């Protein structure tokens, strides 16, 4: 499962006044999020949760997913 906040793609969003730690966590690597999202979309097929549950019964599904994520089998 993957979720992204809409603001995580908005490099031109207004900057909030907050403690340094909060600003760092909120804005660090913001400029690279779109590229990373594109790589995820290219690397994996996406579908609904319902489709994922139905396909989880397929033999080897879990092993293929683990190998795709970790590079190990």
N, C-alpha and C. Protein backbone atom coordinates (compact mmCIF):
# COMPACT_ATOMS: atom_id res chain seq x y z
N UNK A 1 0.85 -1.16 0.00
CA UNK A 1 0.00 0.00 0.00
C UNK A 1 0.90 1.23 0.00
N UNK A 2 0.47 2.22 -0.72
CA UNK A 2 1.26 3.44 -0.86
C UNK A 2 0.34 4.64 -0.74
N UNK A 3 0.76 5.64 0.01
CA UNK A 3 -0.01 6.87 0.15
C UNK A 3 0.95 8.05 0.12
N UNK A 4 0.52 9.10 -0.53
CA UNK A 4 1.31 10.33 -0.56
C UNK A 4 0.37 11.51 -0.34
N UNK A 5 0.80 12.46 0.44
CA UNK A 5 0.01 13.66 0.66
C UNK A 5 0.16 14.58 -0.56
N UNK A 6 -0.89 15.25 -0.97
CA UNK A 6 -0.79 16.16 -2.12
C UNK A 6 0.29 17.23 -1.94
N UNK A 7 0.46 17.72 -0.71
CA UNK A 7 1.47 18.77 -0.50
C UNK A 7 2.89 18.26 -0.72
N UNK A 8 3.07 16.93 -0.70
CA UNK A 8 4.41 16.38 -0.89
C UNK A 8 4.90 16.51 -2.33
N UNK A 9 4.02 16.92 -3.24
CA UNK A 9 4.40 17.15 -4.63
C UNK A 9 4.45 18.64 -4.98
N UNK A 10 4.06 19.49 -4.06
CA UNK A 10 3.96 20.93 -4.32
C UNK A 10 5.20 21.67 -3.83
N UNK A 11 6.16 21.86 -4.72
CA UNK A 11 7.40 22.55 -4.32
C UNK A 11 7.19 24.05 -4.12
N UNK A 12 6.08 24.58 -4.61
CA UNK A 12 5.81 26.02 -4.48
C UNK A 12 4.84 26.34 -3.35
N UNK A 13 4.58 25.39 -2.48
CA UNK A 13 3.66 25.63 -1.38
C UNK A 13 4.19 26.71 -0.44
N UNK A 14 3.30 27.45 0.20
CA UNK A 14 3.76 28.45 1.17
C UNK A 14 4.48 27.77 2.32
N UNK A 15 5.54 28.39 2.78
CA UNK A 15 6.31 27.83 3.89
C UNK A 15 5.68 28.24 5.22
N UNK A 16 5.51 27.27 6.12
CA UNK A 16 4.91 27.54 7.42
C UNK A 16 5.97 27.96 8.41
N UNK A 17 5.54 28.74 9.37
CA UNK A 17 6.42 29.10 10.48
C UNK A 17 6.28 28.01 11.53
N UNK A 18 7.37 27.32 11.79
CA UNK A 18 7.36 26.20 12.73
C UNK A 18 8.78 26.00 13.24
N UNK A 19 8.92 25.19 14.28
CA UNK A 19 10.27 24.88 14.76
C UNK A 19 11.12 24.24 13.66
N UNK A 20 12.41 24.40 13.77
CA UNK A 20 13.34 23.90 12.75
C UNK A 20 13.11 22.42 12.44
N UNK A 21 12.92 21.59 13.45
CA UNK A 21 12.74 20.15 13.23
C UNK A 21 11.50 19.89 12.37
N UNK A 22 10.42 20.60 12.63
CA UNK A 22 9.19 20.41 11.85
C UNK A 22 9.37 20.88 10.41
N UNK A 23 10.03 22.02 10.23
CA UNK A 23 10.27 22.51 8.87
C UNK A 23 11.17 21.56 8.10
N UNK A 24 12.19 21.05 8.74
CA UNK A 24 13.10 20.10 8.09
C UNK A 24 12.33 18.87 7.63
N UNK A 25 11.53 18.30 8.52
CA UNK A 25 10.78 17.09 8.22
C UNK A 25 9.76 17.33 7.10
N UNK A 26 9.20 18.51 7.06
CA UNK A 26 8.16 18.84 6.09
C UNK A 26 8.72 19.15 4.70
N UNK A 27 9.85 19.82 4.65
CA UNK A 27 10.36 20.31 3.36
C UNK A 27 11.59 19.58 2.81
N UNK A 28 12.28 18.80 3.63
CA UNK A 28 13.49 18.11 3.18
C UNK A 28 13.16 17.17 2.03
N UNK A 29 13.91 17.23 0.96
CA UNK A 29 13.77 16.37 -0.22
C UNK A 29 12.46 16.56 -0.98
N UNK A 30 11.76 17.65 -0.75
CA UNK A 30 10.50 17.92 -1.43
C UNK A 30 10.70 17.98 -2.95
N UNK A 31 11.84 18.49 -3.38
CA UNK A 31 12.09 18.63 -4.82
C UNK A 31 12.31 17.29 -5.52
N UNK A 32 12.56 16.24 -4.76
CA UNK A 32 12.81 14.93 -5.37
C UNK A 32 11.61 13.98 -5.30
N UNK A 33 10.55 14.39 -4.64
CA UNK A 33 9.40 13.51 -4.45
C UNK A 33 8.75 13.10 -5.76
N UNK A 34 8.56 14.03 -6.66
CA UNK A 34 7.90 13.71 -7.93
C UNK A 34 8.70 12.67 -8.72
N UNK A 35 10.00 12.83 -8.76
CA UNK A 35 10.86 11.87 -9.47
C UNK A 35 10.77 10.49 -8.82
N UNK A 36 10.79 10.44 -7.50
CA UNK A 36 10.70 9.16 -6.79
C UNK A 36 9.34 8.50 -7.03
N UNK A 37 8.28 9.29 -7.03
CA UNK A 37 6.95 8.76 -7.31
C UNK A 37 6.90 8.18 -8.72
N UNK A 38 7.49 8.87 -9.67
CA UNK A 38 7.54 8.37 -11.04
C UNK A 38 8.26 7.03 -11.15
N UNK A 39 9.35 6.87 -10.40
CA UNK A 39 10.07 5.60 -10.41
C UNK A 39 9.23 4.48 -9.82
N UNK A 40 8.48 4.77 -8.76
CA UNK A 40 7.60 3.76 -8.18
C UNK A 40 6.51 3.35 -9.17
N UNK A 41 5.92 4.33 -9.84
CA UNK A 41 4.86 4.04 -10.79
C UNK A 41 5.37 3.24 -11.98
N UNK A 42 6.62 3.49 -12.38
CA UNK A 42 7.22 2.72 -13.48
C UNK A 42 7.59 1.30 -13.06
N UNK A 43 8.02 1.14 -11.81
CA UNK A 43 8.53 -0.15 -11.35
C UNK A 43 7.45 -1.14 -10.94
N UNK A 44 6.29 -0.63 -10.52
CA UNK A 44 5.27 -1.52 -9.99
C UNK A 44 3.94 -1.26 -10.68
N UNK A 45 3.15 -2.31 -10.83
CA UNK A 45 1.79 -2.13 -11.33
C UNK A 45 0.92 -1.74 -10.14
N UNK A 46 0.02 -0.82 -10.37
CA UNK A 46 -0.84 -0.32 -9.31
C UNK A 46 -2.26 -0.81 -9.53
N UNK A 47 -2.99 -0.95 -8.47
CA UNK A 47 -4.39 -1.37 -8.55
C UNK A 47 -5.10 -1.04 -7.26
N UNK A 48 -6.32 -1.45 -7.19
CA UNK A 48 -7.12 -1.18 -6.00
C UNK A 48 -6.78 -2.18 -4.89
N UNK A 49 -7.18 -1.87 -3.69
CA UNK A 49 -6.98 -2.78 -2.58
C UNK A 49 -7.75 -4.08 -2.84
N UNK A 50 -8.95 -3.96 -3.39
CA UNK A 50 -9.75 -5.15 -3.71
C UNK A 50 -9.00 -6.07 -4.67
N UNK A 51 -8.39 -5.49 -5.70
CA UNK A 51 -7.62 -6.30 -6.65
C UNK A 51 -6.44 -6.98 -5.96
N UNK A 52 -5.79 -6.28 -5.06
CA UNK A 52 -4.64 -6.84 -4.35
C UNK A 52 -5.05 -8.02 -3.48
N UNK A 53 -6.18 -7.88 -2.81
CA UNK A 53 -6.66 -8.97 -1.95
C UNK A 53 -6.99 -10.19 -2.80
N UNK A 54 -7.66 -9.98 -3.92
CA UNK A 54 -8.01 -11.10 -4.80
C UNK A 54 -6.78 -11.78 -5.35
N UNK A 55 -5.75 -11.01 -5.71
CA UNK A 55 -4.56 -11.59 -6.32
C UNK A 55 -3.61 -12.19 -5.28
N UNK A 56 -3.83 -11.92 -4.00
CA UNK A 56 -2.92 -12.44 -2.98
C UNK A 56 -3.00 -13.96 -2.86
N UNK A 57 -4.05 -14.54 -3.42
CA UNK A 57 -4.19 -15.99 -3.39
C UNK A 57 -3.36 -16.68 -4.47
N UNK A 58 -2.79 -15.89 -5.38
CA UNK A 58 -2.00 -16.48 -6.45
C UNK A 58 -0.71 -17.07 -5.88
N UNK A 59 -0.33 -18.25 -6.35
CA UNK A 59 0.89 -18.91 -5.86
C UNK A 59 2.11 -18.06 -6.21
N UNK A 60 2.95 -17.85 -5.22
CA UNK A 60 4.19 -17.13 -5.43
C UNK A 60 4.06 -15.62 -5.37
N UNK A 61 2.87 -15.09 -5.16
CA UNK A 61 2.68 -13.64 -5.16
C UNK A 61 3.56 -12.97 -4.10
N UNK A 62 3.54 -13.48 -2.88
CA UNK A 62 4.32 -12.88 -1.80
C UNK A 62 5.81 -12.96 -2.09
N UNK A 63 6.26 -14.08 -2.61
CA UNK A 63 7.68 -14.24 -2.91
C UNK A 63 8.11 -13.27 -3.99
N UNK A 64 7.29 -13.06 -5.01
CA UNK A 64 7.62 -12.12 -6.09
C UNK A 64 7.68 -10.69 -5.55
N UNK A 65 6.77 -10.34 -4.67
CA UNK A 65 6.75 -9.00 -4.11
C UNK A 65 7.99 -8.76 -3.27
N UNK A 66 8.35 -9.73 -2.43
CA UNK A 66 9.54 -9.60 -1.60
C UNK A 66 10.78 -9.46 -2.46
N UNK A 67 10.87 -10.25 -3.51
CA UNK A 67 12.03 -10.17 -4.41
C UNK A 67 12.08 -8.82 -5.11
N UNK A 68 10.93 -8.30 -5.53
CA UNK A 68 10.90 -7.01 -6.22
C UNK A 68 11.34 -5.88 -5.30
N UNK A 69 10.94 -5.94 -4.05
CA UNK A 69 11.26 -4.86 -3.12
C UNK A 69 12.70 -4.96 -2.61
N UNK A 70 13.15 -6.17 -2.28
CA UNK A 70 14.46 -6.32 -1.65
C UNK A 70 15.57 -6.71 -2.62
N UNK A 71 15.18 -7.26 -3.76
CA UNK A 71 16.18 -7.76 -4.70
C UNK A 71 16.70 -9.14 -4.31
N UNK A 72 16.09 -9.73 -3.25
CA UNK A 72 16.51 -11.06 -2.79
C UNK A 72 15.36 -12.03 -2.99
N UNK A 73 15.69 -13.30 -3.19
CA UNK A 73 14.63 -14.32 -3.29
C UNK A 73 14.75 -15.32 -2.19
